[in-house]
């Protein structure tokens, strides 16, 4: 339940990836104990950050994809 950036950004990315994997905002909100509106906001923040090539978000995004590929092999 922290608002520190080092915890907020990964949580926002989690919301974004969970949404991309087909989970609803309600499902995500229950899983991470956050309001459904927070999930929508988090997804939009990540979408915008990736669109504008924000380095912090891009780095986390690439690392997540790398880890997902490792897990499939």
C-alpha atoms as a PDB file:
ATOM      1  CA  UNK A   1       0.000   0.000   0.000  1.00  0.00           C
ATOM      2  CA  UNK A   2       2.835   2.339  -0.774  1.00  0.00           C
ATOM      3  CA  UNK A   3       2.890   5.419  -2.953  1.00  0.00           C
ATOM      4  CA  UNK A   4       6.628   5.283  -3.431  1.00  0.00           C
ATOM      5  CA  UNK A   5       7.568   5.372  -7.099  1.00  0.00           C
ATOM      6  CA  UNK A   6       9.665   2.205  -6.820  1.00  0.00           C
ATOM      7  CA  UNK A   7       6.472   0.340  -5.901  1.00  0.00           C
ATOM      8  CA  UNK A   8       3.893   2.285  -7.920  1.00  0.00           C
ATOM      9  CA  UNK A   9       5.476   1.812 -11.354  1.00  0.00           C
ATOM     10  CA  UNK A  10       5.723  -2.004 -11.127  1.00  0.00           C
ATOM     11  CA  UNK A  11       2.148  -2.129  -9.797  1.00  0.00           C
ATOM     12  CA  UNK A  12       0.982  -0.033 -12.748  1.00  0.00           C
ATOM     13  CA  UNK A  13       2.826  -2.346 -15.123  1.00  0.00           C
ATOM     14  CA  UNK A  14       1.197  -5.341 -13.451  1.00  0.00           C
ATOM     15  CA  UNK A  15      -2.220  -3.811 -14.116  1.00  0.00           C
ATOM     16  CA  UNK A  16      -1.317  -3.166 -17.727  1.00  0.00           C
ATOM     17  CA  UNK A  17       0.011  -6.683 -18.363  1.00  0.00           C
ATOM     18  CA  UNK A  18      -2.871  -8.363 -16.549  1.00  0.00           C
ATOM     19  CA  UNK A  19      -5.266  -6.397 -18.729  1.00  0.00           C
ATOM     20  CA  UNK A  20      -3.336  -7.414 -21.856  1.00  0.00           C
ATOM     21  CA  UNK A  21      -3.644 -11.039 -20.730  1.00  0.00           C
ATOM     22  CA  UNK A  22      -7.437 -10.733 -20.624  1.00  0.00           C
ATOM     23  CA  UNK A  23      -8.193 -10.047 -16.977  1.00  0.00           C
ATOM     24  CA  UNK A  24     -10.943  -7.529 -16.253  1.00  0.00           C
ATOM     25  CA  UNK A  25     -10.386  -4.408 -14.182  1.00  0.00           C
ATOM     26  CA  UNK A  26     -12.559  -5.907 -11.440  1.00  0.00           C
ATOM     27  CA  UNK A  27     -10.482  -9.102 -11.343  1.00  0.00           C
ATOM     28  CA  UNK A  28      -7.248  -7.126 -11.207  1.00  0.00           C
ATOM     29  CA  UNK A  29      -8.557  -4.782  -8.515  1.00  0.00           C
ATOM     30  CA  UNK A  30      -9.525  -7.706  -6.299  1.00  0.00           C
ATOM     31  CA  UNK A  31      -6.163  -9.395  -6.826  1.00  0.00           C
ATOM     32  CA  UNK A  32      -4.094  -6.365  -5.824  1.00  0.00           C
ATOM     33  CA  UNK A  33      -6.590  -4.769  -3.421  1.00  0.00           C
ATOM     34  CA  UNK A  34      -7.010  -1.523  -5.323  1.00  0.00           C
ATOM     35  CA  UNK A  35     -10.025   0.405  -6.580  1.00  0.00           C
ATOM     36  CA  UNK A  36     -11.218  -0.452 -10.105  1.00  0.00           C
ATOM     37  CA  UNK A  37     -10.706   3.158 -11.179  1.00  0.00           C
ATOM     38  CA  UNK A  38      -7.082   2.947 -10.051  1.00  0.00           C
ATOM     39  CA  UNK A  39      -6.630  -0.009 -12.396  1.00  0.00           C
ATOM     40  CA  UNK A  40      -7.980   1.970 -15.348  1.00  0.00           C
ATOM     41  CA  UNK A  41      -5.767   4.918 -14.487  1.00  0.00           C
ATOM     42  CA  UNK A  42      -2.707   2.668 -14.129  1.00  0.00           C
ATOM     43  CA  UNK A  43      -3.311   1.084 -17.514  1.00  0.00           C
ATOM     44  CA  UNK A  44      -3.601   4.509 -19.148  1.00  0.00           C
ATOM     45  CA  UNK A  45      -0.417   5.782 -17.470  1.00  0.00           C
ATOM     46  CA  UNK A  46       1.536   2.786 -18.792  1.00  0.00           C
ATOM     47  CA  UNK A  47      -0.002   3.035 -22.251  1.00  0.00           C
ATOM     48  CA  UNK A  48       0.939   6.725 -22.459  1.00  0.00           C
ATOM     49  CA  UNK A  49       4.428   6.127 -21.053  1.00  0.00           C
ATOM     50  CA  UNK A  50       5.138   3.419 -23.619  1.00  0.00           C
ATOM     51  CA  UNK A  51       3.725   5.567 -26.428  1.00  0.00           C
ATOM     52  CA  UNK A  52       6.066   8.406 -25.466  1.00  0.00           C
ATOM     53  CA  UNK A  53       8.962   5.992 -24.937  1.00  0.00           C
ATOM     54  CA  UNK A  54       9.406   6.713 -21.218  1.00  0.00           C
ATOM     55  CA  UNK A  55      12.683   4.981 -20.369  1.00  0.00           C
ATOM     56  CA  UNK A  56      11.659   3.858 -16.879  1.00  0.00           C
ATOM     57  CA  UNK A  57       8.510   2.137 -18.114  1.00  0.00           C
ATOM     58  CA  UNK A  58      10.172   0.843 -21.281  1.00  0.00           C
ATOM     59  CA  UNK A  59      12.902  -0.842 -19.209  1.00  0.00           C
ATOM     60  CA  UNK A  60      10.366  -2.604 -16.970  1.00  0.00           C
ATOM     61  CA  UNK A  61       8.295  -3.569 -20.015  1.00  0.00           C
ATOM     62  CA  UNK A  62      11.281  -5.164 -21.763  1.00  0.00           C
ATOM     63  CA  UNK A  63      12.313  -7.017 -18.599  1.00  0.00           C
ATOM     64  CA  UNK A  64       8.820  -8.424 -18.166  1.00  0.00           C
ATOM     65  CA  UNK A  65       8.709  -9.647 -21.774  1.00  0.00           C
ATOM     66  CA  UNK A  66      12.151 -11.204 -21.329  1.00  0.00           C
ATOM     67  CA  UNK A  67      11.010 -13.046 -18.181  1.00  0.00           C
ATOM     68  CA  UNK A  68       7.817 -14.240 -19.893  1.00  0.00           C
ATOM     69  CA  UNK A  69       9.847 -15.699 -22.769  1.00  0.00           C
ATOM     70  CA  UNK A  70      12.152 -17.467 -20.307  1.00  0.00           C
ATOM     71  CA  UNK A  71       9.173 -19.029 -18.564  1.00  0.00           C
ATOM     72  CA  UNK A  72       7.768 -20.511 -21.776  1.00  0.00           C
ATOM     73  CA  UNK A  73      10.919 -22.439 -22.693  1.00  0.00           C
END
